[in-house]
N, C-alpha and C. Protein backbone atom coordinates (compact mmCIF):
# COMPACT_ATOMS: atom_id res chain seq x y z
N MET A 1 -34.98 -10.84 15.29
CA MET A 1 -34.24 -10.61 16.53
C MET A 1 -33.85 -9.14 16.64
N THR A 2 -33.50 -8.72 17.86
CA THR A 2 -33.10 -7.33 18.09
C THR A 2 -31.57 -7.23 18.03
N LEU A 3 -31.10 -6.32 17.21
CA LEU A 3 -29.66 -6.10 17.10
C LEU A 3 -29.18 -5.20 18.24
N PRO A 4 -27.87 -5.23 18.54
CA PRO A 4 -27.34 -4.27 19.52
C PRO A 4 -27.69 -2.84 19.09
N ALA A 5 -27.98 -2.01 20.06
CA ALA A 5 -28.39 -0.64 19.75
C ALA A 5 -27.19 0.18 19.28
N VAL A 6 -27.44 1.00 18.28
CA VAL A 6 -26.46 2.04 17.93
C VAL A 6 -26.58 3.13 18.97
N PRO A 7 -25.48 3.62 19.52
CA PRO A 7 -25.58 4.65 20.56
C PRO A 7 -26.43 5.83 20.11
N ASP A 8 -27.35 6.25 20.94
CA ASP A 8 -28.24 7.36 20.64
C ASP A 8 -27.65 8.63 21.24
N SER A 9 -26.65 9.15 20.58
CA SER A 9 -25.96 10.34 21.08
C SER A 9 -25.63 11.24 19.91
N ARG A 10 -25.38 12.49 20.20
CA ARG A 10 -24.98 13.43 19.15
C ARG A 10 -23.71 12.95 18.47
N LEU A 11 -22.77 12.44 19.25
CA LEU A 11 -21.50 11.95 18.71
C LEU A 11 -21.76 10.86 17.67
N ALA A 12 -22.56 9.87 18.02
CA ALA A 12 -22.82 8.77 17.10
C ALA A 12 -23.60 9.23 15.89
N ARG A 13 -24.58 10.11 16.10
CA ARG A 13 -25.36 10.61 14.96
C ARG A 13 -24.49 11.37 13.98
N GLU A 14 -23.58 12.18 14.49
CA GLU A 14 -22.72 12.95 13.60
C GLU A 14 -21.69 12.05 12.91
N ALA A 15 -21.24 11.00 13.59
CA ALA A 15 -20.36 10.03 12.93
C ALA A 15 -21.09 9.36 11.78
N THR A 16 -22.34 8.98 12.02
CA THR A 16 -23.14 8.35 10.97
C THR A 16 -23.31 9.29 9.78
N GLU A 17 -23.66 10.53 10.06
CA GLU A 17 -23.88 11.50 8.99
C GLU A 17 -22.61 11.76 8.19
N LEU A 18 -21.48 11.85 8.88
CA LEU A 18 -20.22 12.12 8.18
C LEU A 18 -19.90 11.00 7.21
N VAL A 19 -19.96 9.76 7.70
CA VAL A 19 -19.61 8.63 6.84
C VAL A 19 -20.62 8.47 5.72
N ARG A 20 -21.89 8.64 6.02
CA ARG A 20 -22.91 8.51 4.98
C ARG A 20 -22.74 9.58 3.90
N ASP A 21 -22.27 10.78 4.30
CA ASP A 21 -22.10 11.87 3.35
C ASP A 21 -20.87 11.70 2.46
N VAL A 22 -19.77 11.18 3.00
CA VAL A 22 -18.52 11.18 2.24
C VAL A 22 -18.18 9.83 1.62
N ALA A 23 -18.70 8.74 2.17
CA ALA A 23 -18.32 7.41 1.70
C ALA A 23 -19.39 6.84 0.78
N PRO A 24 -19.00 5.99 -0.16
CA PRO A 24 -20.01 5.31 -0.98
C PRO A 24 -20.83 4.34 -0.14
N PRO A 25 -22.02 3.97 -0.61
CA PRO A 25 -22.85 3.04 0.16
C PRO A 25 -22.13 1.74 0.53
N LEU A 26 -21.27 1.25 -0.33
CA LEU A 26 -20.52 0.03 -0.03
C LEU A 26 -19.79 0.15 1.31
N ILE A 27 -19.06 1.26 1.49
CA ILE A 27 -18.27 1.47 2.71
C ILE A 27 -19.18 1.77 3.89
N TYR A 28 -20.23 2.54 3.67
CA TYR A 28 -21.15 2.85 4.76
C TYR A 28 -21.78 1.58 5.32
N HIS A 29 -22.34 0.76 4.46
CA HIS A 29 -23.01 -0.45 4.94
C HIS A 29 -22.02 -1.44 5.54
N HIS A 30 -20.84 -1.56 4.94
CA HIS A 30 -19.80 -2.41 5.52
C HIS A 30 -19.44 -1.94 6.92
N SER A 31 -19.28 -0.64 7.09
CA SER A 31 -18.87 -0.10 8.39
C SER A 31 -19.94 -0.33 9.45
N ARG A 32 -21.20 -0.19 9.07
CA ARG A 32 -22.27 -0.47 10.02
C ARG A 32 -22.29 -1.96 10.38
N ARG A 33 -22.08 -2.82 9.40
CA ARG A 33 -22.03 -4.25 9.72
C ARG A 33 -20.88 -4.55 10.66
N VAL A 34 -19.75 -3.90 10.47
CA VAL A 34 -18.60 -4.11 11.36
C VAL A 34 -18.99 -3.77 12.79
N TYR A 35 -19.73 -2.68 12.98
CA TYR A 35 -20.17 -2.35 14.34
C TYR A 35 -21.06 -3.45 14.90
N PHE A 36 -22.08 -3.84 14.16
CA PHE A 36 -23.02 -4.84 14.67
C PHE A 36 -22.32 -6.17 14.93
N PHE A 37 -21.49 -6.61 14.00
CA PHE A 37 -20.79 -7.88 14.21
C PHE A 37 -19.83 -7.79 15.40
N GLY A 38 -19.13 -6.65 15.54
CA GLY A 38 -18.25 -6.49 16.68
C GLY A 38 -19.01 -6.48 17.99
N ALA A 39 -20.15 -5.76 18.01
CA ALA A 39 -20.96 -5.70 19.23
C ALA A 39 -21.54 -7.06 19.59
N LEU A 40 -22.01 -7.79 18.59
CA LEU A 40 -22.53 -9.14 18.84
C LEU A 40 -21.45 -10.06 19.39
N ARG A 41 -20.25 -9.92 18.85
CA ARG A 41 -19.15 -10.74 19.35
C ARG A 41 -18.78 -10.34 20.77
N GLY A 42 -18.85 -9.04 21.06
CA GLY A 42 -18.59 -8.59 22.42
C GLY A 42 -19.60 -9.14 23.41
N GLU A 43 -20.88 -9.15 23.01
CA GLU A 43 -21.91 -9.73 23.87
C GLU A 43 -21.67 -11.21 24.09
N ARG A 44 -21.35 -11.91 23.01
CA ARG A 44 -21.12 -13.35 23.11
C ARG A 44 -19.96 -13.67 24.04
N ASP A 45 -18.89 -12.84 23.97
CA ASP A 45 -17.69 -13.11 24.76
C ASP A 45 -17.72 -12.44 26.13
N GLY A 46 -18.80 -11.75 26.46
CA GLY A 46 -18.92 -11.11 27.76
C GLY A 46 -17.95 -9.96 27.99
N LEU A 47 -17.66 -9.21 26.93
CA LEU A 47 -16.71 -8.11 27.04
C LEU A 47 -17.43 -6.81 27.40
N ALA A 48 -16.83 -6.04 28.27
CA ALA A 48 -17.35 -4.72 28.61
C ALA A 48 -16.66 -3.70 27.70
N TYR A 49 -17.43 -3.02 26.87
CA TYR A 49 -16.84 -2.07 25.93
C TYR A 49 -17.69 -0.81 25.89
N ASP A 50 -17.10 0.26 25.40
CA ASP A 50 -17.81 1.53 25.25
C ASP A 50 -18.47 1.53 23.87
N PRO A 51 -19.80 1.50 23.78
CA PRO A 51 -20.45 1.42 22.47
C PRO A 51 -20.13 2.59 21.56
N GLU A 52 -19.99 3.80 22.11
CA GLU A 52 -19.67 4.95 21.27
C GLU A 52 -18.30 4.80 20.63
N LEU A 53 -17.33 4.37 21.42
CA LEU A 53 -15.98 4.22 20.86
C LEU A 53 -15.93 3.11 19.83
N LEU A 54 -16.60 2.01 20.11
CA LEU A 54 -16.66 0.93 19.13
C LEU A 54 -17.34 1.42 17.86
N TYR A 55 -18.41 2.19 18.00
CA TYR A 55 -19.16 2.66 16.84
C TYR A 55 -18.29 3.57 15.97
N VAL A 56 -17.62 4.52 16.58
CA VAL A 56 -16.77 5.43 15.80
C VAL A 56 -15.62 4.65 15.16
N GLY A 57 -15.03 3.71 15.88
CA GLY A 57 -13.98 2.90 15.29
C GLY A 57 -14.46 2.14 14.07
N ALA A 58 -15.64 1.56 14.18
CA ALA A 58 -16.20 0.81 13.05
C ALA A 58 -16.53 1.74 11.88
N MET A 59 -17.14 2.86 12.17
CA MET A 59 -17.60 3.74 11.10
C MET A 59 -16.45 4.41 10.35
N PHE A 60 -15.35 4.70 11.04
CA PHE A 60 -14.24 5.42 10.42
C PHE A 60 -13.15 4.49 9.89
N HIS A 61 -13.27 3.19 10.10
CA HIS A 61 -12.10 2.32 9.88
C HIS A 61 -11.66 2.27 8.42
N ASP A 62 -12.56 2.49 7.46
CA ASP A 62 -12.18 2.45 6.05
C ASP A 62 -12.26 3.81 5.36
N LEU A 63 -12.33 4.89 6.14
CA LEU A 63 -12.42 6.22 5.50
C LEU A 63 -11.18 6.53 4.67
N GLY A 64 -10.05 5.93 5.02
CA GLY A 64 -8.83 6.17 4.26
C GLY A 64 -8.85 5.62 2.86
N LEU A 65 -9.87 4.83 2.52
CA LEU A 65 -10.04 4.34 1.15
C LEU A 65 -10.87 5.29 0.30
N VAL A 66 -11.51 6.26 0.94
CA VAL A 66 -12.49 7.12 0.27
C VAL A 66 -11.79 8.29 -0.41
N GLU A 67 -12.16 8.53 -1.65
CA GLU A 67 -11.59 9.66 -2.38
C GLU A 67 -11.86 10.95 -1.62
N GLY A 68 -10.83 11.77 -1.50
CA GLY A 68 -10.94 13.00 -0.74
C GLY A 68 -10.53 12.84 0.71
N ARG A 69 -10.38 11.60 1.16
CA ARG A 69 -9.95 11.33 2.53
C ARG A 69 -8.61 10.57 2.53
N ARG A 70 -8.01 10.39 1.38
CA ARG A 70 -6.79 9.61 1.26
C ARG A 70 -5.56 10.47 1.45
N GLY A 71 -4.59 9.97 2.20
CA GLY A 71 -3.31 10.63 2.35
C GLY A 71 -2.24 9.90 1.57
N ALA A 72 -0.99 10.12 1.97
CA ALA A 72 0.12 9.48 1.28
C ALA A 72 0.56 8.20 1.97
N GLY A 73 0.15 8.02 3.23
CA GLY A 73 0.57 6.85 3.99
C GLY A 73 -0.44 5.74 3.93
N ARG A 74 -0.37 4.84 4.89
CA ARG A 74 -1.29 3.71 4.93
C ARG A 74 -2.73 4.19 5.13
N PHE A 75 -3.65 3.56 4.43
CA PHE A 75 -5.04 4.01 4.52
C PHE A 75 -5.59 3.86 5.93
N GLU A 76 -5.09 2.88 6.69
CA GLU A 76 -5.54 2.69 8.05
C GLU A 76 -5.25 3.94 8.90
N LEU A 77 -4.11 4.57 8.63
CA LEU A 77 -3.73 5.75 9.40
C LEU A 77 -4.59 6.96 9.04
N ASP A 78 -5.01 7.04 7.78
CA ASP A 78 -5.91 8.14 7.39
C ASP A 78 -7.20 8.08 8.21
N GLY A 79 -7.81 6.90 8.25
CA GLY A 79 -9.05 6.75 9.02
C GLY A 79 -8.82 6.95 10.50
N ALA A 80 -7.70 6.44 11.01
CA ALA A 80 -7.40 6.57 12.43
C ALA A 80 -7.22 8.03 12.82
N ASP A 81 -6.49 8.77 12.00
CA ASP A 81 -6.27 10.19 12.29
C ASP A 81 -7.59 10.98 12.25
N GLU A 82 -8.43 10.66 11.27
CA GLU A 82 -9.70 11.39 11.18
C GLU A 82 -10.60 11.07 12.36
N ALA A 83 -10.62 9.82 12.77
CA ALA A 83 -11.45 9.44 13.92
C ALA A 83 -10.97 10.14 15.19
N ARG A 84 -9.67 10.17 15.39
CA ARG A 84 -9.13 10.83 16.59
C ARG A 84 -9.49 12.31 16.59
N GLY A 85 -9.31 12.98 15.45
CA GLY A 85 -9.66 14.39 15.38
C GLY A 85 -11.15 14.63 15.62
N PHE A 86 -11.98 13.76 15.08
CA PHE A 86 -13.43 13.85 15.27
C PHE A 86 -13.78 13.72 16.75
N LEU A 87 -13.20 12.74 17.41
CA LEU A 87 -13.51 12.52 18.82
C LEU A 87 -13.02 13.66 19.69
N LEU A 88 -11.81 14.13 19.45
CA LEU A 88 -11.29 15.24 20.24
C LEU A 88 -12.13 16.49 20.05
N SER A 89 -12.62 16.71 18.83
CA SER A 89 -13.45 17.89 18.57
C SER A 89 -14.79 17.82 19.29
N HIS A 90 -15.17 16.60 19.71
CA HIS A 90 -16.42 16.42 20.46
C HIS A 90 -16.17 16.29 21.96
N GLY A 91 -14.97 16.65 22.39
CA GLY A 91 -14.68 16.65 23.82
C GLY A 91 -14.38 15.30 24.42
N VAL A 92 -14.13 14.29 23.59
CA VAL A 92 -13.78 12.96 24.11
C VAL A 92 -12.34 13.02 24.64
N PRO A 93 -12.08 12.46 25.81
CA PRO A 93 -10.73 12.50 26.37
C PRO A 93 -9.69 11.90 25.43
N ALA A 94 -8.47 12.41 25.52
CA ALA A 94 -7.41 11.99 24.61
C ALA A 94 -7.12 10.50 24.68
N ASP A 95 -7.20 9.92 25.89
CA ASP A 95 -6.88 8.49 25.99
C ASP A 95 -7.94 7.64 25.29
N ALA A 96 -9.20 8.06 25.35
CA ALA A 96 -10.26 7.34 24.65
C ALA A 96 -10.12 7.50 23.14
N ALA A 97 -9.79 8.72 22.69
CA ALA A 97 -9.57 8.95 21.26
C ALA A 97 -8.38 8.12 20.77
N ALA A 98 -7.35 7.98 21.61
CA ALA A 98 -6.19 7.18 21.23
C ALA A 98 -6.55 5.70 21.10
N LEU A 99 -7.49 5.25 21.91
CA LEU A 99 -7.94 3.86 21.83
C LEU A 99 -8.60 3.59 20.47
N VAL A 100 -9.44 4.51 20.03
CA VAL A 100 -10.09 4.36 18.72
C VAL A 100 -9.05 4.46 17.61
N TRP A 101 -8.11 5.37 17.75
CA TRP A 101 -7.02 5.46 16.77
C TRP A 101 -6.32 4.11 16.63
N THR A 102 -6.01 3.49 17.75
CA THR A 102 -5.33 2.19 17.73
C THR A 102 -6.20 1.12 17.07
N ALA A 103 -7.49 1.12 17.38
CA ALA A 103 -8.39 0.13 16.80
C ALA A 103 -8.39 0.20 15.29
N ILE A 104 -8.41 1.41 14.75
CA ILE A 104 -8.44 1.57 13.29
C ILE A 104 -7.08 1.29 12.68
N ALA A 105 -6.03 1.82 13.30
CA ALA A 105 -4.69 1.65 12.75
C ALA A 105 -4.28 0.18 12.66
N LEU A 106 -4.79 -0.65 13.57
CA LEU A 106 -4.37 -2.05 13.62
C LEU A 106 -5.38 -3.02 13.03
N HIS A 107 -6.45 -2.52 12.41
CA HIS A 107 -7.53 -3.46 12.06
C HIS A 107 -7.18 -4.42 10.93
N THR A 108 -6.08 -4.17 10.21
CA THR A 108 -5.63 -5.15 9.20
C THR A 108 -4.43 -5.96 9.68
N THR A 109 -4.09 -5.83 10.94
CA THR A 109 -2.93 -6.54 11.50
C THR A 109 -3.41 -7.78 12.23
N PRO A 110 -3.08 -8.97 11.75
CA PRO A 110 -3.60 -10.19 12.40
C PRO A 110 -3.14 -10.35 13.84
N GLU A 111 -4.02 -10.84 14.67
CA GLU A 111 -3.77 -11.31 16.04
C GLU A 111 -3.56 -10.23 17.07
N ILE A 112 -2.71 -9.25 16.80
CA ILE A 112 -2.32 -8.29 17.84
C ILE A 112 -3.53 -7.55 18.43
N PRO A 113 -4.45 -7.01 17.60
CA PRO A 113 -5.58 -6.28 18.20
C PRO A 113 -6.43 -7.14 19.13
N LEU A 114 -6.45 -8.44 18.91
CA LEU A 114 -7.30 -9.31 19.72
C LEU A 114 -6.79 -9.46 21.14
N ARG A 115 -5.54 -9.05 21.40
CA ARG A 115 -4.97 -9.08 22.75
C ARG A 115 -5.09 -7.74 23.45
N MET A 116 -5.77 -6.79 22.81
CA MET A 116 -5.81 -5.43 23.34
C MET A 116 -7.18 -5.12 23.92
N ALA A 117 -7.44 -3.85 24.20
CA ALA A 117 -8.70 -3.42 24.82
C ALA A 117 -9.89 -3.91 24.00
N PRO A 118 -11.05 -4.11 24.64
CA PRO A 118 -12.21 -4.64 23.91
C PRO A 118 -12.59 -3.83 22.67
N GLU A 119 -12.53 -2.50 22.76
CA GLU A 119 -12.90 -1.70 21.60
C GLU A 119 -11.97 -1.95 20.42
N VAL A 120 -10.69 -2.16 20.71
CA VAL A 120 -9.71 -2.46 19.67
C VAL A 120 -9.99 -3.84 19.09
N ALA A 121 -10.15 -4.81 19.97
CA ALA A 121 -10.39 -6.19 19.53
C ALA A 121 -11.67 -6.31 18.73
N LEU A 122 -12.72 -5.61 19.13
CA LEU A 122 -14.02 -5.81 18.50
C LEU A 122 -14.14 -5.13 17.14
N VAL A 123 -13.41 -4.05 16.92
CA VAL A 123 -13.35 -3.52 15.55
C VAL A 123 -12.75 -4.57 14.63
N THR A 124 -11.65 -5.17 15.06
CA THR A 124 -11.03 -6.21 14.25
C THR A 124 -11.95 -7.41 14.09
N ARG A 125 -12.62 -7.83 15.16
CA ARG A 125 -13.56 -8.96 15.05
C ARG A 125 -14.64 -8.68 14.01
N GLY A 126 -15.16 -7.46 14.02
CA GLY A 126 -16.19 -7.11 13.05
C GLY A 126 -15.69 -7.10 11.62
N VAL A 127 -14.49 -6.55 11.43
CA VAL A 127 -13.89 -6.53 10.09
C VAL A 127 -13.61 -7.95 9.62
N GLU A 128 -13.02 -8.76 10.48
CA GLU A 128 -12.67 -10.12 10.09
C GLU A 128 -13.89 -10.93 9.70
N LEU A 129 -15.00 -10.74 10.42
CA LEU A 129 -16.20 -11.48 10.09
C LEU A 129 -16.78 -11.01 8.76
N ASP A 130 -16.89 -9.70 8.57
CA ASP A 130 -17.55 -9.20 7.37
C ASP A 130 -16.72 -9.41 6.11
N VAL A 131 -15.40 -9.27 6.20
CA VAL A 131 -14.56 -9.35 5.01
C VAL A 131 -14.02 -10.76 4.78
N LEU A 132 -13.57 -11.41 5.85
CA LEU A 132 -12.88 -12.69 5.71
C LEU A 132 -13.73 -13.89 6.12
N GLY A 133 -14.82 -13.64 6.80
CA GLY A 133 -15.63 -14.74 7.30
C GLY A 133 -15.07 -15.39 8.54
N LEU A 134 -14.06 -14.79 9.16
CA LEU A 134 -13.49 -15.35 10.40
C LEU A 134 -14.49 -15.14 11.53
N GLY A 135 -14.72 -16.16 12.32
CA GLY A 135 -15.71 -16.07 13.39
C GLY A 135 -17.13 -16.16 12.88
N TYR A 136 -17.32 -16.69 11.69
CA TYR A 136 -18.66 -16.78 11.08
C TYR A 136 -19.65 -17.50 11.98
N ASP A 137 -19.20 -18.57 12.61
CA ASP A 137 -20.08 -19.36 13.46
C ASP A 137 -20.05 -18.93 14.93
N ALA A 138 -19.32 -17.85 15.22
CA ALA A 138 -19.28 -17.36 16.60
C ALA A 138 -20.55 -16.60 16.95
N ILE A 139 -21.29 -16.17 15.93
CA ILE A 139 -22.62 -15.62 16.16
C ILE A 139 -23.61 -16.49 15.38
N THR A 140 -24.87 -16.36 15.66
CA THR A 140 -25.85 -17.28 15.08
C THR A 140 -26.24 -16.86 13.66
N GLY A 141 -26.78 -17.81 12.93
CA GLY A 141 -27.29 -17.50 11.61
C GLY A 141 -28.38 -16.46 11.65
N GLU A 142 -29.20 -16.49 12.67
CA GLU A 142 -30.26 -15.49 12.83
C GLU A 142 -29.66 -14.10 13.01
N GLN A 143 -28.59 -14.01 13.80
CA GLN A 143 -27.93 -12.72 14.01
C GLN A 143 -27.31 -12.21 12.71
N ARG A 144 -26.62 -13.08 11.99
CA ARG A 144 -26.03 -12.66 10.72
C ARG A 144 -27.10 -12.17 9.76
N ALA A 145 -28.20 -12.91 9.69
CA ALA A 145 -29.28 -12.54 8.77
C ALA A 145 -29.89 -11.19 9.14
N ALA A 146 -30.02 -10.93 10.43
CA ALA A 146 -30.60 -9.66 10.87
C ALA A 146 -29.71 -8.48 10.48
N VAL A 147 -28.40 -8.65 10.63
CA VAL A 147 -27.47 -7.58 10.26
C VAL A 147 -27.53 -7.34 8.75
N VAL A 148 -27.48 -8.40 7.98
CA VAL A 148 -27.46 -8.27 6.52
C VAL A 148 -28.80 -7.75 6.00
N ALA A 149 -29.89 -8.05 6.68
CA ALA A 149 -31.19 -7.51 6.27
C ALA A 149 -31.20 -5.99 6.40
N GLU A 150 -30.54 -5.49 7.43
CA GLU A 150 -30.50 -4.03 7.64
C GLU A 150 -29.45 -3.37 6.76
N HIS A 151 -28.35 -4.08 6.52
CA HIS A 151 -27.24 -3.53 5.72
C HIS A 151 -26.78 -4.60 4.73
N PRO A 152 -27.46 -4.69 3.58
CA PRO A 152 -27.19 -5.76 2.61
C PRO A 152 -25.76 -5.70 2.05
N ARG A 153 -25.32 -6.85 1.54
CA ARG A 153 -23.97 -6.94 0.98
C ARG A 153 -24.01 -7.57 -0.41
N PRO A 154 -24.71 -6.94 -1.38
CA PRO A 154 -24.75 -7.50 -2.74
C PRO A 154 -23.38 -7.46 -3.41
N ASP A 155 -22.96 -8.61 -3.95
CA ASP A 155 -21.69 -8.70 -4.68
C ASP A 155 -20.53 -8.15 -3.85
N PHE A 156 -20.59 -8.36 -2.54
CA PHE A 156 -19.66 -7.67 -1.64
C PHE A 156 -18.22 -8.08 -1.85
N LYS A 157 -17.95 -9.35 -2.05
CA LYS A 157 -16.56 -9.78 -2.18
C LYS A 157 -15.86 -9.05 -3.32
N ARG A 158 -16.48 -9.03 -4.48
CA ARG A 158 -15.86 -8.36 -5.63
C ARG A 158 -15.76 -6.86 -5.40
N ARG A 159 -16.82 -6.27 -4.86
CA ARG A 159 -16.86 -4.81 -4.72
C ARG A 159 -15.91 -4.31 -3.64
N ILE A 160 -15.73 -5.04 -2.55
CA ILE A 160 -14.80 -4.56 -1.52
C ILE A 160 -13.35 -4.69 -2.00
N LEU A 161 -13.07 -5.75 -2.78
CA LEU A 161 -11.73 -5.87 -3.34
C LEU A 161 -11.45 -4.73 -4.32
N ALA A 162 -12.46 -4.33 -5.09
CA ALA A 162 -12.28 -3.18 -5.99
C ALA A 162 -12.04 -1.90 -5.20
N ALA A 163 -12.76 -1.74 -4.09
CA ALA A 163 -12.57 -0.55 -3.25
C ALA A 163 -11.18 -0.53 -2.64
N PHE A 164 -10.69 -1.68 -2.19
CA PHE A 164 -9.32 -1.76 -1.67
C PHE A 164 -8.33 -1.35 -2.76
N THR A 165 -8.51 -1.92 -3.95
CA THR A 165 -7.59 -1.64 -5.06
C THR A 165 -7.59 -0.16 -5.40
N ASP A 166 -8.76 0.43 -5.56
CA ASP A 166 -8.85 1.84 -5.92
C ASP A 166 -8.27 2.74 -4.83
N GLY A 167 -8.41 2.33 -3.58
CA GLY A 167 -7.97 3.16 -2.47
C GLY A 167 -6.49 3.14 -2.22
N ILE A 168 -5.78 2.13 -2.73
CA ILE A 168 -4.35 2.03 -2.42
C ILE A 168 -3.46 1.92 -3.65
N ARG A 169 -4.03 1.85 -4.85
CA ARG A 169 -3.19 1.64 -6.03
C ARG A 169 -2.19 2.77 -6.23
N ASP A 170 -2.51 3.99 -5.78
CA ASP A 170 -1.62 5.13 -5.96
C ASP A 170 -0.58 5.26 -4.85
N ARG A 171 -0.59 4.38 -3.89
CA ARG A 171 0.42 4.38 -2.82
C ARG A 171 0.86 2.94 -2.52
N PRO A 172 1.35 2.24 -3.53
CA PRO A 172 1.64 0.82 -3.38
C PRO A 172 2.71 0.52 -2.34
N GLU A 173 3.59 1.49 -2.10
CA GLU A 173 4.65 1.26 -1.11
C GLU A 173 4.08 1.09 0.30
N THR A 174 2.86 1.54 0.54
CA THR A 174 2.27 1.42 1.88
C THR A 174 1.78 0.01 2.17
N THR A 175 1.82 -0.87 1.18
CA THR A 175 1.38 -2.25 1.40
C THR A 175 2.53 -3.16 1.83
N PHE A 176 3.72 -2.61 1.95
CA PHE A 176 4.87 -3.43 2.34
C PHE A 176 4.62 -4.07 3.70
N GLY A 177 4.67 -5.39 3.74
CA GLY A 177 4.53 -6.11 5.00
C GLY A 177 3.12 -6.22 5.52
N ASN A 178 2.09 -5.89 4.70
CA ASN A 178 0.73 -6.06 5.20
C ASN A 178 -0.15 -6.73 4.15
N VAL A 179 -1.35 -7.08 4.56
CA VAL A 179 -2.21 -7.92 3.74
C VAL A 179 -2.66 -7.25 2.44
N LYS A 180 -2.61 -5.94 2.37
CA LYS A 180 -3.09 -5.27 1.17
C LYS A 180 -2.16 -5.46 -0.03
N ALA A 181 -0.94 -5.93 0.20
CA ALA A 181 -0.08 -6.28 -0.92
C ALA A 181 -0.71 -7.38 -1.77
N ASP A 182 -1.45 -8.28 -1.14
CA ASP A 182 -2.14 -9.34 -1.88
C ASP A 182 -3.15 -8.75 -2.85
N VAL A 183 -3.82 -7.69 -2.45
CA VAL A 183 -4.82 -7.06 -3.30
C VAL A 183 -4.17 -6.51 -4.56
N LEU A 184 -3.10 -5.75 -4.41
CA LEU A 184 -2.44 -5.16 -5.57
C LEU A 184 -1.80 -6.24 -6.44
N ALA A 185 -1.29 -7.30 -5.83
CA ALA A 185 -0.71 -8.39 -6.62
C ALA A 185 -1.74 -9.03 -7.53
N HIS A 186 -2.98 -9.09 -7.09
CA HIS A 186 -4.05 -9.68 -7.89
C HIS A 186 -4.59 -8.74 -8.96
N PHE A 187 -4.67 -7.43 -8.65
CA PHE A 187 -5.48 -6.54 -9.48
C PHE A 187 -4.73 -5.39 -10.15
N VAL A 188 -3.44 -5.20 -9.85
CA VAL A 188 -2.69 -4.10 -10.46
C VAL A 188 -1.53 -4.69 -11.27
N PRO A 189 -1.63 -4.68 -12.60
CA PRO A 189 -0.55 -5.23 -13.43
C PRO A 189 0.78 -4.53 -13.16
N GLY A 190 1.82 -5.33 -13.06
CA GLY A 190 3.15 -4.78 -12.85
C GLY A 190 3.52 -4.51 -11.41
N PHE A 191 2.57 -4.68 -10.48
CA PHE A 191 2.90 -4.46 -9.07
C PHE A 191 3.93 -5.48 -8.62
N ARG A 192 4.94 -5.00 -7.91
CA ARG A 192 5.95 -5.88 -7.33
C ARG A 192 6.01 -5.65 -5.84
N ARG A 193 5.84 -6.70 -5.08
CA ARG A 193 5.86 -6.59 -3.63
C ARG A 193 7.23 -6.13 -3.13
N GLY A 194 7.22 -5.35 -2.04
CA GLY A 194 8.46 -5.11 -1.33
C GLY A 194 8.94 -6.41 -0.71
N ASP A 195 10.22 -6.55 -0.61
CA ASP A 195 10.81 -7.80 -0.10
C ASP A 195 11.66 -7.48 1.13
N PHE A 196 11.25 -8.01 2.27
CA PHE A 196 11.94 -7.72 3.53
C PHE A 196 13.40 -8.16 3.49
N VAL A 197 13.66 -9.30 2.88
CA VAL A 197 15.04 -9.79 2.79
C VAL A 197 15.88 -8.84 1.95
N GLU A 198 15.33 -8.37 0.83
CA GLU A 198 16.07 -7.45 -0.02
C GLU A 198 16.34 -6.13 0.69
N VAL A 199 15.40 -5.68 1.51
CA VAL A 199 15.62 -4.44 2.26
C VAL A 199 16.80 -4.59 3.19
N ILE A 200 16.87 -5.72 3.89
CA ILE A 200 18.00 -5.96 4.80
C ILE A 200 19.31 -6.03 4.01
N GLN A 201 19.30 -6.78 2.92
CA GLN A 201 20.52 -6.96 2.16
C GLN A 201 21.02 -5.68 1.52
N ALA A 202 20.10 -4.75 1.20
CA ALA A 202 20.47 -3.49 0.55
C ALA A 202 20.67 -2.35 1.54
N SER A 203 20.59 -2.63 2.83
CA SER A 203 20.76 -1.55 3.82
C SER A 203 22.19 -1.01 3.75
N PRO A 204 22.43 0.22 4.22
CA PRO A 204 23.76 0.83 4.12
C PRO A 204 24.81 0.20 5.03
N TRP A 205 24.42 -0.72 5.90
CA TRP A 205 25.41 -1.39 6.75
C TRP A 205 26.30 -2.31 5.91
N SER A 206 27.60 -2.30 6.21
CA SER A 206 28.49 -3.17 5.46
C SER A 206 28.29 -4.63 5.83
N GLU A 207 27.92 -4.89 7.06
CA GLU A 207 27.67 -6.25 7.53
C GLU A 207 26.46 -6.25 8.45
């Protein structure tokens, strides 16, 4: 079968080259699958989306896990900031760059992105399908096979969990209140989750 086309533009080509140059193959192939799965879901659901914006959102969404691209805050924000800067440097309007920023910043936040613009929702749809298997049957087995034939996922479950762990173990406080705390709880000895109740109880307010 024919997969959705990757945008044939200088912007998309340079996004591809950047991610391929700085990220390990695991992240590169995962990011490409996120684009294809998101685009296929958009076609299935009849959504009108900008392929370039979806592509950049998919390709940059995990750059914050990559050594040399990591900041001190949440890894989602590292990728979001880099994508916005990349788009603005290519003359993309600020509101469109902000849309991609939002798609990446929220891609680990359940439910909320799915109520937002198609480009935001479809980055999350692609991530959820490739990592969690959510929406597995929303596209056909033939479509899944075609994507994986182009971008294989050998030992993906174990390897993506290792990439998550390596990318955030040095900033464990950034996992407070989000799904990545589960990763550190499984793979980093001595990790203790932040506790929302304890934060409230220890606040400087007397009552």
